[in-house]
């Protein structure tokens, strides 16, 4: 089979590798699509073999495909030809530690100890591969969004209109949250948020507090008018934006952090204490998140597939990564492995 192999900084090569051998409890999936994640991008940009992907390894962890071989001990609810999304955290016996090396950019993926609704999640045949491949990143966004325990009438702000931020916003909207706003500095990305049904604020063009107040009104708190925002979901990872949010929080506001911050960010614990603010970390996802996302994608609850902006063939994967790294006119770049 053909497989994309990671060799360090900006160095990805397509090579021939053996098709994995299927054990009695395993399933072999013919990969149809693989998504390029921000984590993949950061590792390829930096290089080295100690960043989560080993030098010379197959890699990729956002994927969907069809079952082509089944071990003799696998339960009968997994059928040949079944379309499936793969949970990379549970797909291998090594677990989360090696989840970035789950062969998402290989023509075939071995799922060890395969169990439906554990490491394989079924999609109907009429669900497009470009939509189904979003299962994993959407689950990350959904997990972060719902960690603030949102309620339908609350005002909720998602920071960042990248794949995870848009997935968070789409999940909130699809599950009944009526007042969702996305903040970014790129009008084109914000247009994608609007397509999903979100309000938008371009914080490069208008003061954050002013933009949010225009949508949600204000409250007078400790001598200051602040936007009436109940919860923030931080998928931006921008210290300057987090600092702006910290200055305009209302009492009992909640903040979920799903962005990967590369540097320490100062936090006013006086504000956290006096306003009884909750700051929640959110990493990965649960089975329940994936189930909700599969339902979302299958029933087309939002136009989430619109975040797939480029599709490349496997032989073009170096170009695909260059496009994703440049981040001009892109949100989610996908590799077609057929």
Protein backbone atom coordinates (compact mmCIF):
# COMPACT_ATOMS: atom_id res chain seq x y z
CA UNK A 1 0.00 0.00 0.00
CA UNK A 2 0.97 3.66 -0.33
CA UNK A 3 1.50 5.57 2.89
CA UNK A 4 2.63 9.08 3.77
CA UNK A 5 5.74 8.92 5.97
CA UNK A 6 6.99 11.72 8.21
CA UNK A 7 10.71 12.50 7.94
CA UNK A 8 10.95 15.79 9.81
CA UNK A 9 10.54 19.46 9.11
CA UNK A 10 8.46 20.00 5.93
CA UNK A 11 9.47 16.52 4.74
CA UNK A 12 6.68 14.07 3.95
CA UNK A 13 7.20 11.26 1.46
CA UNK A 14 4.79 8.75 -0.05
CA UNK A 15 6.26 5.26 0.15
CA UNK A 16 5.22 1.64 -0.28
CA UNK A 17 4.58 -0.11 3.05
CA UNK A 18 3.14 -3.57 3.80
CA UNK A 19 -0.61 -3.78 4.24
CA UNK A 20 -1.15 -4.52 7.96
CA UNK A 21 -1.84 -8.11 8.98
CA UNK A 22 -5.27 -8.56 10.52
CA UNK A 23 -5.40 -10.37 13.85
CA UNK A 24 -8.36 -12.33 15.16
CA UNK A 25 -9.83 -9.30 16.97
CA UNK A 26 -8.86 -6.68 14.39
CA UNK A 27 -10.43 -4.95 11.41
CA UNK A 28 -8.74 -3.59 8.30
CA UNK A 29 -10.18 -0.35 6.93
CA UNK A 30 -9.51 0.95 3.42
CA UNK A 31 -8.95 4.62 4.08
CA UNK A 32 -11.01 6.99 1.92
CA UNK A 33 -10.18 10.38 3.41
CA UNK A 34 -7.67 11.75 5.91
CA UNK A 35 -7.84 15.22 7.42
CA UNK A 36 -4.84 17.43 8.19
CA UNK A 37 -5.04 18.56 11.81
CA UNK A 38 -3.46 21.65 13.35
CA UNK A 39 -1.33 19.31 15.45
CA UNK A 40 0.01 17.65 12.28
CA UNK A 41 0.74 21.09 10.83
CA UNK A 42 2.66 22.26 13.89
CA UNK A 43 4.77 19.08 14.01
CA UNK A 44 5.62 19.22 10.31
CA UNK A 45 6.52 22.93 10.59
CA UNK A 46 8.86 22.36 13.54
CA UNK A 47 10.35 18.99 12.62
CA UNK A 48 12.11 16.48 14.85
CA UNK A 49 10.96 13.09 16.05
CA UNK A 50 10.01 13.98 19.61
CA UNK A 51 6.88 16.04 18.94
CA UNK A 52 4.30 13.25 18.87
CA UNK A 53 5.16 11.66 15.51
CA UNK A 54 8.28 9.51 15.17
CA UNK A 55 10.65 10.00 12.25
CA UNK A 56 9.93 7.38 9.59
CA UNK A 57 6.41 6.73 10.90
CA UNK A 58 3.03 6.57 9.21
CA UNK A 59 0.84 9.29 10.65
CA UNK A 60 -2.53 11.06 10.54
CA UNK A 61 -5.41 10.72 13.00
CA UNK A 62 -8.51 12.14 11.27
CA UNK A 63 -9.87 9.47 8.95
CA UNK A 64 -12.83 7.57 7.56
CA UNK A 65 -13.04 4.55 5.29
CA UNK A 66 -14.68 1.22 4.60
CA UNK A 67 -14.20 -2.13 6.29
CA UNK A 68 -12.43 -4.60 3.94
CA UNK A 69 -11.24 -7.40 6.27
CA UNK A 70 -12.55 -8.66 9.61
CA UNK A 71 -10.84 -10.88 12.15
CA UNK A 72 -12.61 -14.09 13.15
CA UNK A 73 -13.34 -12.95 16.72
CA UNK A 74 -14.83 -9.56 15.80
CA UNK A 75 -18.53 -9.11 16.66
CA UNK A 76 -21.01 -9.57 13.82
CA UNK A 77 -22.29 -5.97 13.98
CA UNK A 78 -19.16 -4.95 12.03
CA UNK A 79 -19.76 -5.85 8.41
CA UNK A 80 -17.65 -5.87 5.24
CA UNK A 81 -18.20 -2.67 3.25
CA UNK A 82 -19.38 -0.71 6.28
CA UNK A 83 -18.43 2.98 6.14
CA UNK A 84 -16.77 4.01 9.39
CA UNK A 85 -15.10 6.86 11.17
CA UNK A 86 -12.13 5.83 13.33
CA UNK A 87 -11.39 7.01 16.87
CA UNK A 88 -7.57 7.26 16.85
CA UNK A 89 -7.33 7.27 20.64
CA UNK A 90 -8.86 3.78 20.89
CA UNK A 91 -7.86 2.39 17.48
CA UNK A 92 -4.52 1.01 18.68
CA UNK A 93 -3.53 -0.91 21.80
CA UNK A 94 -0.95 1.83 22.48
CA UNK A 95 -3.86 4.23 23.04
CA UNK A 96 -3.61 8.00 23.12
CA UNK A 97 0.19 7.95 23.35
CA UNK A 98 0.49 6.88 19.72
CA UNK A 99 -2.77 8.30 18.39
CA UNK A 100 -0.99 10.76 16.06
CA UNK A 101 0.57 7.75 14.29
CA UNK A 102 -2.76 6.11 13.46
CA UNK A 103 -2.08 5.84 9.69
CA UNK A 104 -4.66 8.39 8.63
CA UNK A 105 -2.57 9.15 5.52
CA UNK A 106 -2.11 5.49 4.56
CA UNK A 107 -4.27 3.53 2.14
CA UNK A 108 -5.12 0.97 4.82
CA UNK A 109 -5.59 1.33 8.58
CA UNK A 110 -5.50 -1.52 11.08
CA UNK A 111 -7.96 -1.08 13.94
CA UNK A 112 -6.90 -3.32 16.83
CA UNK A 113 -9.46 -4.98 19.12
CA UNK A 114 -12.19 -3.52 16.90
CA UNK A 115 -15.53 -2.77 18.53
CA UNK A 116 -18.39 -0.77 17.06
CA UNK A 117 -19.06 2.45 19.01
CA UNK A 118 -15.68 2.20 20.69
CA UNK A 119 -13.06 2.64 18.00
CA UNK A 120 -15.29 2.36 14.91
CA UNK A 121 -18.40 4.49 14.32
CA UNK A 122 -20.75 3.65 11.46
CA UNK A 123 -21.87 6.06 8.75
CA UNK A 124 -24.54 5.38 6.13
CA UNK A 125 -23.25 5.05 2.58
CA UNK A 126 -24.92 8.30 1.49
CA UNK A 127 -22.82 10.42 3.88
CA UNK A 128 -20.08 12.10 1.87
CA UNK A 129 -16.49 11.20 2.78
CA UNK A 130 -15.64 14.91 3.13
CA UNK A 131 -18.29 15.17 5.83
CA UNK A 132 -17.53 11.88 7.59
CA UNK A 133 -13.80 12.66 7.86
CA UNK A 134 -14.74 15.56 10.14
CA UNK A 135 -15.88 13.17 12.89
CA UNK A 136 -12.69 13.42 14.94
CA UNK A 137 -12.05 17.20 14.83
CA UNK A 138 -15.76 17.92 15.29
CA UNK A 139 -15.71 15.77 18.41
CA UNK A 140 -12.89 17.91 19.81
CA UNK A 141 -14.89 21.07 19.14
CA UNK A 142 -18.08 19.60 20.52
CA UNK A 143 -16.34 18.42 23.70
CA UNK A 144 -14.94 21.89 24.35
CA UNK A 145 -18.19 23.67 23.60
CA UNK A 146 -20.28 21.51 25.90
CA UNK A 147 -17.77 21.57 28.75
CA UNK A 148 -19.24 24.98 29.66
CA UNK A 149 -22.65 23.30 30.09
CA UNK A 150 -24.45 25.69 27.74
CA UNK A 151 -28.16 26.41 27.94
CA UNK A 152 -30.38 27.28 24.96
CA UNK A 153 -31.04 30.91 25.93
CA UNK A 154 -27.47 31.75 26.96
CA UNK A 155 -25.12 33.99 25.01
CA UNK A 156 -22.09 31.93 23.98
CA UNK A 157 -18.97 33.19 22.22
CA UNK A 158 -16.51 30.98 20.35
CA UNK A 159 -13.04 32.48 19.92
CA UNK A 160 -11.42 31.45 16.63
CA UNK A 161 -12.96 30.45 13.28
CA UNK A 162 -10.58 27.61 12.51
CA UNK A 163 -11.77 23.99 12.17
CA UNK A 164 -12.18 23.42 15.92
CA UNK A 165 -13.85 26.76 16.59
CA UNK A 166 -16.28 26.28 13.71
CA UNK A 167 -16.97 22.72 14.87
CA UNK A 168 -17.69 24.05 18.37
CA UNK A 169 -20.06 26.70 17.02
CA UNK A 170 -21.81 24.22 14.71
CA UNK A 171 -22.29 21.75 17.56
CA UNK A 172 -23.83 24.42 19.78
CA UNK A 173 -26.18 25.60 17.04
CA UNK A 174 -27.17 22.06 16.05
CA UNK A 175 -28.03 21.18 19.64
CA UNK A 176 -30.32 24.10 20.29
CA UNK A 177 -28.16 27.00 21.42
CA UNK A 178 -29.85 30.05 19.92
CA UNK A 179 -27.28 32.79 20.56
CA UNK A 180 -23.83 31.76 19.34
CA UNK A 181 -21.20 34.25 18.16
CA UNK A 182 -17.80 33.52 16.59
CA UNK A 183 -14.87 35.94 16.95
CA UNK A 184 -11.95 36.02 14.50
CA UNK A 185 -9.84 38.54 12.55
CA UNK A 186 -10.50 37.05 9.09
CA UNK A 187 -13.72 38.04 7.30
CA UNK A 188 -13.58 35.02 4.98
CA UNK A 189 -13.42 32.59 7.89
CA UNK A 190 -16.18 34.51 9.65
CA UNK A 191 -18.32 34.08 6.54
CA UNK A 192 -18.03 30.33 7.10
CA UNK A 193 -19.27 30.83 10.67
CA UNK A 194 -22.22 32.82 9.35
CA UNK A 195 -23.04 29.97 6.93
CA UNK A 196 -23.31 27.70 9.97
CA UNK A 197 -25.80 30.09 11.59
CA UNK A 198 -23.53 32.01 13.97
CA UNK A 199 -23.30 35.71 14.67
CA UNK A 200 -19.82 37.13 14.06
CA UNK A 201 -17.38 39.76 15.31
CA UNK A 202 -14.14 40.72 13.55
CA UNK A 203 -11.99 41.83 16.48
CA UNK A 204 -9.47 43.42 14.09
CA UNK A 205 -12.14 45.85 12.91
CA UNK A 206 -14.10 46.57 16.08
CA UNK A 207 -13.32 46.54 19.79
CA UNK A 208 -14.23 43.11 21.19
CA UNK A 209 -16.47 44.47 23.96
CA UNK A 210 -18.25 46.79 21.53
CA UNK A 211 -18.80 44.04 18.98
CA UNK A 212 -20.19 41.58 21.52
CA UNK A 213 -22.35 44.27 23.15
CA UNK A 214 -23.92 45.00 19.76
CA UNK A 215 -25.17 41.40 19.66
CA UNK A 216 -25.91 40.69 23.31
CA UNK A 217 -26.29 44.01 25.16
CA UNK A 218 -24.41 44.97 28.32
CA UNK A 219 -24.48 44.63 32.09
CA UNK A 220 -23.12 47.11 34.60
CA UNK A 221 -20.56 45.30 36.75
CA UNK A 222 -18.32 46.95 39.34
CA UNK A 223 -18.57 50.34 37.64
CA UNK A 224 -17.99 48.93 34.14
CA UNK A 225 -20.34 48.05 31.29
CA UNK A 226 -19.48 44.56 30.03
CA UNK A 227 -21.05 42.44 27.27
CA UNK A 228 -23.77 40.09 28.45
CA UNK A 229 -21.88 36.90 27.58
CA UNK A 230 -22.47 33.76 29.64
CA UNK A 231 -19.71 31.53 28.27
CA UNK A 232 -16.62 31.68 26.07
CA UNK A 233 -15.11 28.74 24.17
CA UNK A 234 -11.46 29.51 23.39
CA UNK A 235 -10.38 27.77 20.19
CA UNK A 236 -8.08 30.61 19.15
CA UNK A 237 -5.07 30.27 21.46
CA UNK A 238 -4.30 33.99 21.07
CA UNK A 239 -3.01 35.57 24.31
CA UNK A 240 -4.08 39.07 23.27
CA UNK A 241 -7.64 37.85 22.67
CA UNK A 242 -7.77 35.95 25.96
CA UNK A 243 -6.55 39.08 27.75
CA UNK A 244 -9.32 41.13 26.12
CA UNK A 245 -11.90 38.56 27.22
CA UNK A 246 -10.58 38.49 30.79
CA UNK A 247 -11.22 42.24 31.10
CA UNK A 248 -14.89 42.06 30.12
CA UNK A 249 -16.21 39.02 31.97
CA UNK A 250 -19.50 39.20 33.78
CA UNK A 251 -20.06 37.40 37.11
CA UNK A 252 -20.36 33.62 36.86
CA UNK A 253 -19.02 33.54 33.32
CA UNK A 254 -17.46 30.27 32.14
CA UNK A 255 -14.46 29.86 29.84
CA UNK A 256 -13.49 26.60 28.15
CA UNK A 257 -9.92 26.33 26.85
CA UNK A 258 -9.62 23.97 23.89
CA UNK A 259 -6.85 25.88 22.10
CA UNK A 260 -3.24 24.77 22.41
CA UNK A 261 -1.35 27.66 23.99
CA UNK A 262 2.38 27.64 23.30
CA UNK A 263 3.27 30.19 26.00
CA UNK A 264 2.14 30.99 29.52
CA UNK A 265 -0.75 33.48 29.77
CA UNK A 266 -1.23 35.71 32.84
CA UNK A 267 -4.61 35.32 34.55
CA UNK A 268 -6.07 37.76 37.09
CA UNK A 269 -7.04 35.50 39.94
CA UNK A 270 -8.65 38.53 41.60
CA UNK A 271 -11.15 38.62 38.72
CA UNK A 272 -11.64 34.86 38.86
CA UNK A 273 -12.39 35.09 42.57
CA UNK A 274 -14.47 38.27 42.67
CA UNK A 275 -16.63 37.37 39.68
CA UNK A 276 -16.71 33.63 40.49
CA UNK A 277 -15.46 32.80 37.00
CA UNK A 278 -14.99 29.18 35.97
CA UNK A 279 -12.06 28.32 33.66
CA UNK A 280 -12.35 24.79 32.26
CA UNK A 281 -9.81 22.82 30.29
CA UNK A 282 -11.13 20.56 27.53
CA UNK A 283 -8.99 18.02 25.69
CA UNK A 284 -10.02 15.24 23.34
CA UNK A 285 -13.55 13.87 23.45
CA UNK A 286 -15.78 11.15 24.83
CA UNK A 287 -17.90 8.43 23.26
CA UNK A 288 -20.97 10.62 23.82
CA UNK A 289 -19.33 13.48 21.91
CA UNK A 290 -18.63 11.21 18.94
CA UNK A 291 -22.19 9.85 18.91
CA UNK A 292 -23.59 13.40 18.83
CA UNK A 293 -21.20 14.36 16.03
CA UNK A 294 -22.03 11.30 13.92
CA UNK A 295 -25.71 12.20 14.28
CA UNK A 296 -24.93 15.82 13.37
CA UNK A 297 -23.01 14.87 10.23
CA UNK A 298 -25.43 12.13 9.15
CA UNK A 299 -28.51 14.33 9.53
CA UNK A 300 -26.79 17.42 8.06
CA UNK A 301 -27.82 19.53 11.04
CA UNK A 302 -25.51 22.31 9.82
CA UNK A 303 -23.44 22.87 6.68
CA UNK A 304 -20.31 21.73 8.50
CA UNK A 305 -18.91 20.10 5.35
CA UNK A 306 -18.34 23.63 4.01
CA UNK A 307 -15.24 23.92 6.22
CA UNK A 308 -13.48 21.41 3.91
CA UNK A 309 -11.81 23.91 1.62
CA UNK A 310 -9.23 21.82 -0.29
CA UNK A 311 -8.93 18.14 -1.21
CA UNK A 312 -5.64 16.64 -2.47
CA UNK A 313 -4.72 13.14 -3.63
CA UNK A 314 -2.24 11.14 -1.54
CA UNK A 315 0.59 11.71 -4.04
CA UNK A 316 0.10 15.45 -3.49
CA UNK A 317 0.33 15.31 0.29
CA UNK A 318 3.44 17.49 0.49
CA UNK A 319 1.54 20.18 -1.43
CA UNK A 320 -1.48 19.61 0.80
CA UNK A 321 0.63 20.33 3.88
CA UNK A 322 2.19 23.39 2.28
CA UNK A 323 -1.30 24.73 1.61
CA UNK A 324 -2.43 23.97 5.15
CA UNK A 325 0.69 25.60 6.64
CA UNK A 326 0.29 28.73 4.49
CA UNK A 327 -3.30 29.04 5.82
CA UNK A 328 -4.46 31.33 3.02
CA UNK A 329 -8.03 30.63 1.98
CA UNK A 330 -8.04 27.37 3.93
CA UNK A 331 -9.84 25.93 6.90
CA UNK A 332 -9.73 22.13 6.64
CA UNK A 333 -7.44 20.46 4.09
CA UNK A 334 -8.31 16.83 3.33
CA UNK A 335 -6.39 14.03 1.58
CA UNK A 336 -8.27 11.70 -0.80
CA UNK A 337 -6.71 8.22 -0.50
CA UNK A 338 -8.77 6.50 -3.20
